[in-house]
Amino acid sequence: MSRPNIKVLLVDDHVLVLDGLVARLQLESHIEIMGTAKNGEEALQKAQLLAPDVVLMDVSMPVLGGIEAAKRFHEELPQIKVLMLSMHHDREYILPLVQSGASGYVLKDVSVNELIMAIDTVFQGGTYFSAGASQSLFTMPDKSLDPAPAANESLTRRELDVLIALTSGHANKEVARRLNISVRTVETHRQNLKNKLDIHTLAGLTKYAIEQGLI
């Protein structure tokens, strides 16, 4: 089965990085490089003209950096998925980007295959954090599947458990195993969470969980 074509805009202030990304990603038959930009402001302008599906963007850039650019993409061009690419693995870099609406965060030391997987995942509406980023973001002492205070009175105890597990990077099957429930039950709780919170993406649920101090 052929994969759908993904239109990508690449954003980095280092020409060598851009050239390397273009040279490698254009070898993928399902990825179409729409253009490149050297800062967040240029990226926003080009995105309005080129209508990419995914923006692969560096965090540290002049003129308009990645955090503010991600926020503006989320506000002005919400249909475009933003995937951050950075050398920084510290939580203080990653957390603001999640809160700004980015769909994923990939460290620059990942393999090309993992980068392509990340692009595919965010294009399909999912979230993707490379291993180093996930460890920094989700590894918090005493905050995994332990009992947590109700962040929202409308959520049941089990819904909170599912929310914490899902937004800590676990797939439905792993959540089901950890909570000793069926995958179908996990899917039902997941849909109930989306309906009750009026949040319909995993990125949104992750942002909510972080803001509530659940992860």
N, C-alpha and C. Protein backbone atom coordinates (compact mmCIF):
# COMPACT_ATOMS: atom_id res chain seq x y z
N MET A 1 0.85 -1.20 0.00
CA MET A 1 0.00 0.00 0.00
C MET A 1 0.89 1.25 0.00
N SER A 2 0.67 2.14 -0.95
CA SER A 2 1.47 3.35 -1.04
C SER A 2 1.08 4.34 0.03
N ARG A 3 2.06 5.10 0.51
CA ARG A 3 1.81 6.10 1.53
C ARG A 3 1.39 7.41 0.87
N PRO A 4 0.54 8.20 1.54
CA PRO A 4 0.12 9.48 0.97
C PRO A 4 1.29 10.45 0.91
N ASN A 5 1.29 11.30 -0.09
CA ASN A 5 2.35 12.30 -0.21
C ASN A 5 2.25 13.31 0.92
N ILE A 6 3.39 13.69 1.47
CA ILE A 6 3.45 14.65 2.56
C ILE A 6 4.26 15.85 2.10
N LYS A 7 3.65 17.01 2.12
CA LYS A 7 4.34 18.24 1.73
C LYS A 7 5.02 18.84 2.96
N VAL A 8 6.34 19.05 2.86
CA VAL A 8 7.13 19.46 4.02
C VAL A 8 7.86 20.77 3.74
N LEU A 9 7.85 21.67 4.72
CA LEU A 9 8.64 22.89 4.70
C LEU A 9 9.73 22.75 5.75
N LEU A 10 10.98 22.97 5.38
CA LEU A 10 12.12 22.81 6.27
C LEU A 10 12.59 24.18 6.76
N VAL A 11 12.83 24.29 8.07
CA VAL A 11 13.20 25.58 8.64
C VAL A 11 14.40 25.42 9.57
N ASP A 12 15.51 26.07 9.22
CA ASP A 12 16.72 26.04 10.05
C ASP A 12 17.60 27.19 9.60
N ASP A 13 18.30 27.81 10.53
CA ASP A 13 19.13 28.96 10.15
C ASP A 13 20.52 28.54 9.68
N HIS A 14 20.81 27.23 9.67
CA HIS A 14 22.09 26.75 9.18
C HIS A 14 21.91 26.14 7.78
N VAL A 15 22.58 26.73 6.79
CA VAL A 15 22.43 26.30 5.41
C VAL A 15 22.85 24.85 5.22
N LEU A 16 23.92 24.44 5.88
CA LEU A 16 24.39 23.06 5.73
C LEU A 16 23.35 22.06 6.24
N VAL A 17 22.67 22.41 7.33
CA VAL A 17 21.63 21.54 7.86
C VAL A 17 20.48 21.44 6.87
N LEU A 18 20.06 22.58 6.35
CA LEU A 18 18.97 22.58 5.37
C LEU A 18 19.33 21.76 4.14
N ASP A 19 20.54 21.97 3.64
CA ASP A 19 20.98 21.24 2.44
C ASP A 19 20.99 19.74 2.69
N GLY A 20 21.45 19.36 3.89
CA GLY A 20 21.49 17.94 4.22
C GLY A 20 20.11 17.33 4.33
N LEU A 21 19.17 18.07 4.96
CA LEU A 21 17.80 17.58 5.08
C LEU A 21 17.13 17.46 3.72
N VAL A 22 17.32 18.45 2.89
CA VAL A 22 16.72 18.42 1.55
C VAL A 22 17.27 17.22 0.77
N ALA A 23 18.60 17.06 0.79
CA ALA A 23 19.23 15.99 0.02
C ALA A 23 18.73 14.62 0.45
N ARG A 24 18.52 14.44 1.75
CA ARG A 24 18.11 13.10 2.22
C ARG A 24 16.61 12.87 2.10
N LEU A 25 15.81 13.87 2.51
CA LEU A 25 14.37 13.66 2.52
C LEU A 25 13.77 13.59 1.12
N GLN A 26 14.39 14.26 0.16
CA GLN A 26 13.82 14.22 -1.19
C GLN A 26 14.01 12.85 -1.85
N LEU A 27 14.78 11.96 -1.20
CA LEU A 27 14.91 10.59 -1.68
C LEU A 27 13.69 9.75 -1.34
N GLU A 28 12.88 10.25 -0.41
CA GLU A 28 11.67 9.53 -0.01
C GLU A 28 10.55 9.86 -1.00
N SER A 29 9.99 8.84 -1.62
CA SER A 29 9.02 9.07 -2.68
C SER A 29 7.74 9.72 -2.19
N HIS A 30 7.41 9.56 -0.89
CA HIS A 30 6.15 10.11 -0.38
C HIS A 30 6.33 11.48 0.28
N ILE A 31 7.56 12.00 0.29
CA ILE A 31 7.81 13.32 0.88
C ILE A 31 8.18 14.32 -0.21
N GLU A 32 7.46 15.42 -0.22
CA GLU A 32 7.72 16.48 -1.20
C GLU A 32 8.21 17.72 -0.45
N ILE A 33 9.45 18.13 -0.71
CA ILE A 33 10.00 19.32 -0.07
C ILE A 33 9.45 20.54 -0.78
N MET A 34 8.62 21.31 -0.08
CA MET A 34 7.98 22.48 -0.67
C MET A 34 8.89 23.69 -0.70
N GLY A 35 9.84 23.74 0.23
CA GLY A 35 10.73 24.89 0.30
C GLY A 35 11.49 24.89 1.60
N THR A 36 12.30 25.92 1.80
CA THR A 36 13.08 26.06 3.03
C THR A 36 12.96 27.49 3.53
N ALA A 37 13.24 27.65 4.82
CA ALA A 37 13.23 28.98 5.44
C ALA A 37 14.31 29.00 6.51
N LYS A 38 14.79 30.22 6.84
CA LYS A 38 15.91 30.34 7.77
C LYS A 38 15.51 30.87 9.14
N ASN A 39 14.23 31.21 9.32
CA ASN A 39 13.75 31.64 10.63
C ASN A 39 12.24 31.47 10.68
N GLY A 40 11.66 31.65 11.86
CA GLY A 40 10.23 31.43 12.02
C GLY A 40 9.36 32.38 11.24
N GLU A 41 9.78 33.63 11.12
CA GLU A 41 8.98 34.61 10.38
C GLU A 41 8.91 34.24 8.91
N GLU A 42 10.05 33.88 8.34
CA GLU A 42 10.08 33.46 6.94
C GLU A 42 9.27 32.18 6.75
N ALA A 43 9.31 31.30 7.74
CA ALA A 43 8.56 30.05 7.66
C ALA A 43 7.06 30.32 7.60
N LEU A 44 6.58 31.24 8.42
CA LEU A 44 5.16 31.58 8.41
C LEU A 44 4.74 32.16 7.06
N GLN A 45 5.57 33.03 6.52
CA GLN A 45 5.26 33.64 5.23
C GLN A 45 5.22 32.60 4.12
N LYS A 46 6.21 31.71 4.10
CA LYS A 46 6.25 30.69 3.05
C LYS A 46 5.14 29.66 3.23
N ALA A 47 4.80 29.36 4.47
CA ALA A 47 3.74 28.38 4.72
C ALA A 47 2.40 28.87 4.20
N GLN A 48 2.16 30.17 4.30
CA GLN A 48 0.91 30.72 3.78
C GLN A 48 0.83 30.58 2.27
N LEU A 49 1.97 30.64 1.61
CA LEU A 49 2.00 30.53 0.15
C LEU A 49 2.05 29.08 -0.33
N LEU A 50 2.81 28.25 0.38
CA LEU A 50 3.09 26.89 -0.10
C LEU A 50 2.16 25.83 0.48
N ALA A 51 1.47 26.14 1.58
CA ALA A 51 0.52 25.23 2.22
C ALA A 51 1.11 23.85 2.47
N PRO A 52 2.19 23.74 3.24
CA PRO A 52 2.74 22.41 3.55
C PRO A 52 1.84 21.67 4.53
N ASP A 53 2.01 20.36 4.58
CA ASP A 53 1.31 19.56 5.58
C ASP A 53 2.05 19.59 6.91
N VAL A 54 3.39 19.56 6.82
CA VAL A 54 4.25 19.50 8.00
C VAL A 54 5.36 20.53 7.88
N VAL A 55 5.62 21.24 8.97
CA VAL A 55 6.78 22.12 9.05
C VAL A 55 7.79 21.48 10.00
N LEU A 56 8.97 21.17 9.49
CA LEU A 56 10.06 20.62 10.30
C LEU A 56 10.97 21.79 10.63
N MET A 57 11.01 22.17 11.92
CA MET A 57 11.58 23.47 12.29
C MET A 57 12.55 23.36 13.46
N ASP A 58 13.66 24.08 13.35
CA ASP A 58 14.63 24.17 14.43
C ASP A 58 14.06 25.02 15.57
N VAL A 59 14.62 24.85 16.76
CA VAL A 59 14.16 25.61 17.92
C VAL A 59 14.85 26.96 18.01
N SER A 60 16.17 26.95 17.93
CA SER A 60 16.95 28.18 18.12
C SER A 60 17.25 28.83 16.78
N MET A 61 16.56 29.95 16.51
CA MET A 61 16.74 30.67 15.26
C MET A 61 16.66 32.17 15.50
N PRO A 62 17.28 32.97 14.63
CA PRO A 62 17.17 34.43 14.75
C PRO A 62 15.81 34.93 14.27
N VAL A 63 15.55 36.20 14.48
CA VAL A 63 14.35 36.91 14.05
C VAL A 63 13.12 36.41 14.81
N LEU A 64 12.73 35.17 14.57
CA LEU A 64 11.61 34.56 15.28
C LEU A 64 11.97 33.11 15.57
N GLY A 65 12.15 32.79 16.86
CA GLY A 65 12.58 31.46 17.25
C GLY A 65 11.48 30.43 17.17
N GLY A 66 11.85 29.18 17.44
CA GLY A 66 10.93 28.07 17.27
C GLY A 66 9.72 28.10 18.19
N ILE A 67 9.91 28.51 19.45
CA ILE A 67 8.79 28.50 20.39
C ILE A 67 7.70 29.47 19.96
N GLU A 68 8.09 30.70 19.67
CA GLU A 68 7.10 31.70 19.25
C GLU A 68 6.52 31.34 17.88
N ALA A 69 7.36 30.81 17.00
CA ALA A 69 6.86 30.41 15.67
C ALA A 69 5.84 29.29 15.78
N ALA A 70 6.11 28.30 16.66
CA ALA A 70 5.16 27.20 16.85
C ALA A 70 3.83 27.73 17.37
N LYS A 71 3.89 28.68 18.27
CA LYS A 71 2.66 29.27 18.81
C LYS A 71 1.87 29.97 17.72
N ARG A 72 2.56 30.71 16.86
CA ARG A 72 1.87 31.42 15.78
C ARG A 72 1.32 30.46 14.73
N PHE A 73 2.04 29.39 14.45
CA PHE A 73 1.50 28.37 13.54
C PHE A 73 0.21 27.80 14.11
N HIS A 74 0.21 27.51 15.40
CA HIS A 74 -0.97 26.93 16.05
C HIS A 74 -2.15 27.89 15.99
N GLU A 75 -1.89 29.17 16.13
CA GLU A 75 -2.95 30.18 16.14
C GLU A 75 -3.40 30.57 14.73
N GLU A 76 -2.45 30.71 13.81
CA GLU A 76 -2.75 31.27 12.50
C GLU A 76 -2.93 30.19 11.42
N LEU A 77 -2.22 29.08 11.54
CA LEU A 77 -2.28 28.02 10.53
C LEU A 77 -2.40 26.66 11.23
N PRO A 78 -3.48 26.46 11.97
CA PRO A 78 -3.61 25.25 12.79
C PRO A 78 -3.67 23.96 11.99
N GLN A 79 -3.97 24.04 10.69
CA GLN A 79 -4.04 22.84 9.88
C GLN A 79 -2.66 22.28 9.56
N ILE A 80 -1.62 23.06 9.79
CA ILE A 80 -0.25 22.63 9.52
C ILE A 80 0.36 22.04 10.78
N LYS A 81 0.92 20.84 10.67
CA LYS A 81 1.56 20.19 11.79
C LYS A 81 2.99 20.69 11.93
N VAL A 82 3.39 20.99 13.16
CA VAL A 82 4.74 21.50 13.42
C VAL A 82 5.54 20.44 14.18
N LEU A 83 6.66 20.04 13.59
CA LEU A 83 7.57 19.07 14.21
C LEU A 83 8.89 19.78 14.46
N MET A 84 9.30 19.83 15.74
CA MET A 84 10.52 20.53 16.09
C MET A 84 11.72 19.60 15.97
N LEU A 85 12.82 20.16 15.49
CA LEU A 85 14.08 19.43 15.34
C LEU A 85 15.15 20.23 16.06
N SER A 86 15.77 19.64 17.09
CA SER A 86 16.68 20.43 17.92
C SER A 86 17.80 19.57 18.49
N MET A 87 18.88 20.24 18.90
CA MET A 87 19.96 19.57 19.61
C MET A 87 19.72 19.60 21.11
N HIS A 88 18.74 20.37 21.56
CA HIS A 88 18.48 20.54 22.99
C HIS A 88 17.52 19.46 23.49
N HIS A 89 17.88 18.77 24.58
CA HIS A 89 17.00 17.75 25.14
C HIS A 89 16.49 18.13 26.53
N ASP A 90 16.73 19.36 26.95
CA ASP A 90 16.30 19.80 28.27
C ASP A 90 14.80 20.08 28.29
N ARG A 91 14.16 19.75 29.41
CA ARG A 91 12.72 19.92 29.58
C ARG A 91 12.28 21.37 29.35
N GLU A 92 13.14 22.33 29.76
CA GLU A 92 12.76 23.74 29.61
C GLU A 92 12.66 24.18 28.16
N TYR A 93 13.28 23.44 27.25
CA TYR A 93 13.11 23.70 25.83
C TYR A 93 11.86 23.00 25.29
N ILE A 94 11.67 21.75 25.72
CA ILE A 94 10.62 20.92 25.13
C ILE A 94 9.23 21.31 25.61
N LEU A 95 9.07 21.54 26.92
CA LEU A 95 7.76 21.81 27.49
C LEU A 95 7.08 23.03 26.87
N PRO A 96 7.77 24.19 26.72
CA PRO A 96 7.09 25.34 26.10
C PRO A 96 6.63 25.07 24.67
N LEU A 97 7.35 24.19 23.97
CA LEU A 97 6.96 23.89 22.59
C LEU A 97 5.71 23.03 22.56
N VAL A 98 5.59 22.09 23.48
CA VAL A 98 4.35 21.32 23.58
C VAL A 98 3.19 22.24 23.91
N GLN A 99 3.42 23.15 24.85
CA GLN A 99 2.37 24.08 25.24
C GLN A 99 2.02 25.06 24.12
N SER A 100 2.95 25.27 23.19
CA SER A 100 2.71 26.17 22.07
C SER A 100 1.97 25.51 20.93
N GLY A 101 1.80 24.18 20.99
CA GLY A 101 1.02 23.50 19.97
C GLY A 101 1.82 22.64 19.02
N ALA A 102 3.12 22.49 19.25
CA ALA A 102 3.91 21.62 18.38
C ALA A 102 3.45 20.17 18.54
N SER A 103 3.49 19.41 17.45
CA SER A 103 3.03 18.02 17.47
C SER A 103 4.13 17.02 17.81
N GLY A 104 5.36 17.48 17.87
CA GLY A 104 6.43 16.56 18.20
C GLY A 104 7.75 17.27 18.35
N TYR A 105 8.72 16.53 18.87
CA TYR A 105 10.05 17.08 19.15
C TYR A 105 11.06 15.98 18.92
N VAL A 106 11.96 16.20 17.97
CA VAL A 106 12.95 15.19 17.59
C VAL A 106 14.34 15.78 17.75
N LEU A 107 15.22 15.02 18.40
CA LEU A 107 16.60 15.47 18.56
C LEU A 107 17.38 15.25 17.27
N LYS A 108 18.37 16.10 17.05
CA LYS A 108 19.11 16.06 15.79
C LYS A 108 20.03 14.85 15.66
N ASP A 109 20.15 14.06 16.74
CA ASP A 109 21.00 12.88 16.64
C ASP A 109 20.23 11.62 16.26
N VAL A 110 18.93 11.76 15.90
CA VAL A 110 18.15 10.58 15.52
C VAL A 110 18.55 10.12 14.12
N SER A 111 18.22 8.90 13.81
CA SER A 111 18.48 8.38 12.47
C SER A 111 17.49 9.00 11.48
N VAL A 112 17.85 8.92 10.21
CA VAL A 112 16.95 9.42 9.17
C VAL A 112 15.64 8.66 9.19
N ASN A 113 15.71 7.35 9.41
CA ASN A 113 14.48 6.54 9.45
C ASN A 113 13.55 7.00 10.56
N GLU A 114 14.11 7.36 11.72
CA GLU A 114 13.26 7.83 12.81
C GLU A 114 12.67 9.20 12.48
N LEU A 115 13.45 10.05 11.84
CA LEU A 115 12.94 11.36 11.44
C LEU A 115 11.77 11.20 10.47
N ILE A 116 11.88 10.29 9.53
CA ILE A 116 10.80 10.04 8.58
C ILE A 116 9.58 9.49 9.32
N MET A 117 9.80 8.61 10.28
CA MET A 117 8.70 8.08 11.08
C MET A 117 7.99 9.21 11.83
N ALA A 118 8.77 10.16 12.35
CA ALA A 118 8.19 11.29 13.08
C ALA A 118 7.34 12.15 12.14
N ILE A 119 7.83 12.41 10.94
CA ILE A 119 7.08 13.19 9.96
C ILE A 119 5.77 12.48 9.61
N ASP A 120 5.85 11.18 9.36
CA ASP A 120 4.66 10.39 9.04
C ASP A 120 3.65 10.45 10.19
N THR A 121 4.14 10.35 11.42
CA THR A 121 3.26 10.30 12.59
C THR A 121 2.50 11.60 12.79
N VAL A 122 3.20 12.72 12.74
CA VAL A 122 2.51 14.00 12.97
C VAL A 122 1.59 14.33 11.80
N PHE A 123 1.97 13.92 10.60
CA PHE A 123 1.11 14.13 9.44
C PHE A 123 -0.23 13.42 9.61
N GLN A 124 -0.19 12.24 10.25
CA GLN A 124 -1.40 11.46 10.46
C GLN A 124 -2.19 11.92 11.69
N GLY A 125 -1.74 12.99 12.33
CA GLY A 125 -2.47 13.53 13.47
C GLY A 125 -1.96 13.08 14.82
N GLY A 126 -0.86 12.33 14.85
CA GLY A 126 -0.31 11.87 16.10
C GLY A 126 0.75 12.81 16.65
N THR A 127 1.37 12.41 17.75
CA THR A 127 2.49 13.15 18.32
C THR A 127 3.71 12.25 18.32
N TYR A 128 4.90 12.87 18.25
CA TYR A 128 6.12 12.07 18.22
C TYR A 128 7.21 12.79 19.01
N PHE A 129 7.78 12.08 19.97
CA PHE A 129 8.92 12.57 20.72
C PHE A 129 10.01 11.51 20.63
N SER A 130 11.20 11.90 20.18
CA SER A 130 12.29 10.93 20.14
C SER A 130 12.65 10.52 21.56
N ALA A 131 13.41 9.43 21.68
CA ALA A 131 13.64 8.84 22.99
C ALA A 131 14.24 9.83 23.99
N GLY A 132 15.24 10.59 23.57
CA GLY A 132 15.85 11.55 24.47
C GLY A 132 14.90 12.64 24.92
N ALA A 133 14.07 13.10 24.00
CA ALA A 133 13.08 14.12 24.34
C ALA A 133 12.02 13.57 25.27
N SER A 134 11.57 12.35 25.01
CA SER A 134 10.56 11.73 25.87
C SER A 134 11.07 11.56 27.29
N GLN A 135 12.32 11.15 27.41
CA GLN A 135 12.89 10.93 28.74
C GLN A 135 12.92 12.24 29.52
N SER A 136 13.30 13.33 28.87
CA SER A 136 13.35 14.62 29.55
C SER A 136 11.96 15.13 29.90
N LEU A 137 11.00 14.91 29.00
CA LEU A 137 9.68 15.48 29.19
C LEU A 137 8.83 14.66 30.14
N PHE A 138 8.88 13.34 30.02
CA PHE A 138 7.92 12.50 30.73
C PHE A 138 8.47 11.82 31.98
N THR A 139 9.78 11.81 32.18
CA THR A 139 10.33 11.17 33.36
C THR A 139 10.32 12.16 34.52
N MET A 140 9.29 12.04 35.34
CA MET A 140 9.13 12.91 36.50
C MET A 140 9.00 12.04 37.74
N PRO A 141 9.70 12.34 38.82
CA PRO A 141 9.61 11.51 40.02
C PRO A 141 8.20 11.51 40.60
N ASP A 142 7.76 10.28 40.93
CA ASP A 142 6.48 10.10 41.63
C ASP A 142 5.28 10.56 40.83
N LYS A 143 5.40 10.61 39.48
CA LYS A 143 4.27 11.04 38.67
C LYS A 143 4.14 10.14 37.47
N SER A 144 3.85 8.88 37.64
CA SER A 144 3.64 8.00 36.50
C SER A 144 2.20 7.56 36.50
N LEU A 145 1.95 6.35 37.02
CA LEU A 145 0.57 5.91 37.12
C LEU A 145 0.08 5.94 38.56
N ASP A 146 0.78 6.67 39.43
CA ASP A 146 0.35 6.80 40.81
C ASP A 146 -0.91 7.63 40.90
N PRO A 147 -1.70 7.47 41.98
CA PRO A 147 -2.91 8.27 42.12
C PRO A 147 -2.60 9.76 42.05
N ALA A 148 -3.43 10.49 41.32
CA ALA A 148 -3.24 11.94 41.17
C ALA A 148 -4.53 12.64 41.53
N PRO A 149 -4.44 13.88 41.99
CA PRO A 149 -5.66 14.61 42.30
C PRO A 149 -6.47 14.85 41.04
N ALA A 150 -7.76 14.90 41.19
CA ALA A 150 -8.62 15.11 40.03
C ALA A 150 -8.36 16.47 39.42
N ALA A 151 -7.88 16.47 38.18
CA ALA A 151 -7.59 17.74 37.50
C ALA A 151 -8.88 18.37 37.00
N ASN A 152 -9.87 17.56 36.81
CA ASN A 152 -11.15 18.06 36.34
C ASN A 152 -12.23 17.20 36.99
N GLU A 153 -13.15 17.83 37.68
CA GLU A 153 -14.13 17.07 38.44
C GLU A 153 -15.00 16.17 37.58
N SER A 154 -15.06 16.45 36.28
CA SER A 154 -15.90 15.63 35.40
C SER A 154 -15.22 14.33 35.02
N LEU A 155 -13.91 14.20 35.29
CA LEU A 155 -13.18 13.00 34.92
C LEU A 155 -13.24 11.98 36.05
N THR A 156 -13.43 10.73 35.68
CA THR A 156 -13.42 9.66 36.67
C THR A 156 -11.98 9.28 37.00
N ARG A 157 -11.80 8.51 38.06
CA ARG A 157 -10.47 8.05 38.45
C ARG A 157 -9.83 7.26 37.32
N ARG A 158 -10.60 6.39 36.69
CA ARG A 158 -10.07 5.57 35.61
C ARG A 158 -9.71 6.41 34.39
N GLU A 159 -10.51 7.42 34.09
CA GLU A 159 -10.20 8.31 32.96
C GLU A 159 -8.90 9.05 33.22
N LEU A 160 -8.67 9.46 34.47
CA LEU A 160 -7.40 10.11 34.80
C LEU A 160 -6.23 9.15 34.61
N ASP A 161 -6.41 7.91 35.04
CA ASP A 161 -5.35 6.91 34.85
C ASP A 161 -5.01 6.75 33.37
N VAL A 162 -6.05 6.67 32.54
CA VAL A 162 -5.85 6.51 31.10
C VAL A 162 -5.19 7.76 30.51
N LEU A 163 -5.63 8.93 30.95
CA LEU A 163 -5.06 10.18 30.46
C LEU A 163 -3.57 10.25 30.77
N ILE A 164 -3.18 9.92 32.00
CA ILE A 164 -1.78 9.97 32.41
C ILE A 164 -0.95 8.98 31.59
N ALA A 165 -1.48 7.79 31.41
CA ALA A 165 -0.74 6.77 30.67
C ALA A 165 -0.57 7.15 29.20
N LEU A 166 -1.64 7.60 28.57
CA LEU A 166 -1.58 7.98 27.16
C LEU A 166 -0.61 9.12 26.92
N THR A 167 -0.67 10.13 27.78
CA THR A 167 0.15 11.31 27.57
C THR A 167 1.57 11.14 28.09
N SER A 168 1.85 9.99 28.67
CA SER A 168 3.23 9.64 29.05
C SER A 168 3.90 8.82 27.97
N GLY A 169 3.24 8.68 26.82
CA GLY A 169 3.86 8.06 25.66
C GLY A 169 3.51 6.61 25.43
N HIS A 170 2.50 6.08 26.13
CA HIS A 170 2.13 4.67 25.97
C HIS A 170 1.01 4.50 24.95
N ALA A 171 1.13 3.48 24.12
CA ALA A 171 0.09 3.16 23.14
C ALA A 171 -1.07 2.47 23.84
N ASN A 172 -2.19 2.35 23.13
CA ASN A 172 -3.40 1.77 23.74
C ASN A 172 -3.15 0.40 24.35
N LYS A 173 -2.42 -0.46 23.64
CA LYS A 173 -2.17 -1.82 24.14
C LYS A 173 -1.38 -1.80 25.43
N GLU A 174 -0.39 -0.92 25.51
CA GLU A 174 0.43 -0.83 26.71
C GLU A 174 -0.39 -0.27 27.88
N VAL A 175 -1.26 0.72 27.59
CA VAL A 175 -2.13 1.27 28.63
C VAL A 175 -3.04 0.16 29.16
N ALA A 176 -3.60 -0.63 28.25
CA ALA A 176 -4.49 -1.72 28.66
C ALA A 176 -3.76 -2.71 29.55
N ARG A 177 -2.53 -3.03 29.18
CA ARG A 177 -1.75 -3.98 29.99
C ARG A 177 -1.46 -3.42 31.38
N ARG A 178 -1.05 -2.14 31.43
CA ARG A 178 -0.70 -1.53 32.70
C ARG A 178 -1.90 -1.41 33.64
N LEU A 179 -3.06 -1.12 33.07
CA LEU A 179 -4.24 -0.90 33.90
C LEU A 179 -5.11 -2.14 34.03
N ASN A 180 -4.68 -3.21 33.36
CA ASN A 180 -5.40 -4.49 33.42
C ASN A 180 -6.84 -4.34 32.93
N ILE A 181 -6.98 -3.67 31.79
CA ILE A 181 -8.28 -3.52 31.16
C ILE A 181 -8.12 -3.85 29.67
N SER A 182 -9.22 -3.94 28.95
CA SER A 182 -9.14 -4.28 27.53
C SER A 182 -8.77 -3.06 26.70
N VAL A 183 -8.24 -3.32 25.50
CA VAL A 183 -7.91 -2.23 24.58
C VAL A 183 -9.17 -1.46 24.21
N ARG A 184 -10.27 -2.17 24.04
CA ARG A 184 -11.54 -1.50 23.71
C ARG A 184 -11.95 -0.53 24.82
N THR A 185 -11.72 -0.93 26.07
CA THR A 185 -12.05 -0.04 27.19
C THR A 185 -11.16 1.19 27.18
N VAL A 186 -9.88 1.00 26.87
CA VAL A 186 -8.97 2.15 26.75
C VAL A 186 -9.47 3.11 25.68
N GLU A 187 -9.87 2.57 24.53
CA GLU A 187 -10.35 3.40 23.43
C GLU A 187 -11.61 4.16 23.83
N THR A 188 -12.48 3.51 24.62
CA THR A 188 -13.70 4.18 25.09
C THR A 188 -13.35 5.32 26.03
N HIS A 189 -12.45 5.07 26.98
CA HIS A 189 -12.02 6.13 27.90
C HIS A 189 -11.36 7.28 27.14
N ARG A 190 -10.58 6.92 26.13
CA ARG A 190 -9.89 7.94 25.34
C ARG A 190 -10.90 8.86 24.65
N GLN A 191 -11.94 8.27 24.08
CA GLN A 191 -12.96 9.06 23.43
C GLN A 191 -13.74 9.90 24.44
N ASN A 192 -14.00 9.33 25.61
CA ASN A 192 -14.70 10.08 26.65
C ASN A 192 -13.87 11.28 27.11
N LEU A 193 -12.55 11.11 27.21
CA LEU A 193 -11.68 12.21 27.58
C LEU A 193 -11.75 13.34 26.56
N LYS A 194 -11.72 12.97 25.29
CA LYS A 194 -11.78 13.98 24.23
C LYS A 194 -13.11 14.74 24.28
N ASN A 195 -14.19 14.00 24.52
CA ASN A 195 -15.50 14.63 24.56
C ASN A 195 -15.65 15.54 25.79
N LYS A 196 -15.25 15.04 26.96
CA LYS A 196 -15.42 15.82 28.19
C LYS A 196 -14.54 17.08 28.21
N LEU A 197 -13.31 16.94 27.73
CA LEU A 197 -12.38 18.07 27.77
C LEU A 197 -12.45 18.93 26.52
N ASP A 198 -13.20 18.45 25.52
CA ASP A 198 -13.28 19.14 24.22
C ASP A 198 -11.89 19.33 23.63
N ILE A 199 -11.09 18.27 23.76
CA ILE A 199 -9.73 18.25 23.21
C ILE A 199 -9.64 17.00 22.34
N HIS A 200 -9.34 17.18 21.07
CA HIS A 200 -9.53 16.07 20.13
C HIS A 200 -8.24 15.55 19.50
N THR A 201 -7.08 15.94 20.05
CA THR A 201 -5.81 15.40 19.57
C THR A 201 -4.98 14.96 20.77
N LEU A 202 -4.06 14.03 20.53
CA LEU A 202 -3.18 13.59 21.60
C LEU A 202 -2.26 14.72 22.04
N ALA A 203 -1.85 15.57 21.10
CA ALA A 203 -1.02 16.71 21.47
C ALA A 203 -1.77 17.63 22.44
N GLY A 204 -3.07 17.83 22.18
CA GLY A 204 -3.87 18.66 23.07
C GLY A 204 -4.03 18.03 24.44
N LEU A 205 -4.25 16.72 24.47
CA LEU A 205 -4.38 16.02 25.75
C LEU A 205 -3.07 16.07 26.53
N THR A 206 -1.94 15.95 25.80
CA THR A 206 -0.64 16.03 26.44
C THR A 206 -0.42 17.40 27.06
N LYS A 207 -0.75 18.44 26.32
CA LYS A 207 -0.63 19.80 26.84
C LYS A 207 -1.49 19.98 28.08
N TYR A 208 -2.72 19.46 28.06
CA TYR A 208 -3.62 19.56 29.20
C TYR A 208 -3.02 18.85 30.42
N ALA A 209 -2.50 17.63 30.20
CA ALA A 209 -1.93 16.87 31.31
C ALA A 209 -0.73 17.57 31.92
N ILE A 210 0.09 18.18 31.08
CA ILE A 210 1.26 18.91 31.58
C ILE A 210 0.82 20.12 32.39
N GLU A 211 -0.14 20.87 31.86
CA GLU A 211 -0.62 22.07 32.54
C GLU A 211 -1.26 21.74 33.89
N GLN A 212 -1.87 20.57 33.98
CA GLN A 212 -2.52 20.15 35.23
C GLN A 212 -1.55 19.47 36.19
N GLY A 213 -0.29 19.33 35.77
CA GLY A 213 0.69 18.71 36.65
C GLY A 213 0.55 17.21 36.79
N LEU A 214 -0.08 16.57 35.81
CA LEU A 214 -0.29 15.13 35.87
C LEU A 214 0.90 14.34 35.39
N ILE A 215 1.73 14.95 34.54
CA ILE A 215 2.95 14.29 34.05
C ILE A 215 4.11 15.24 34.17
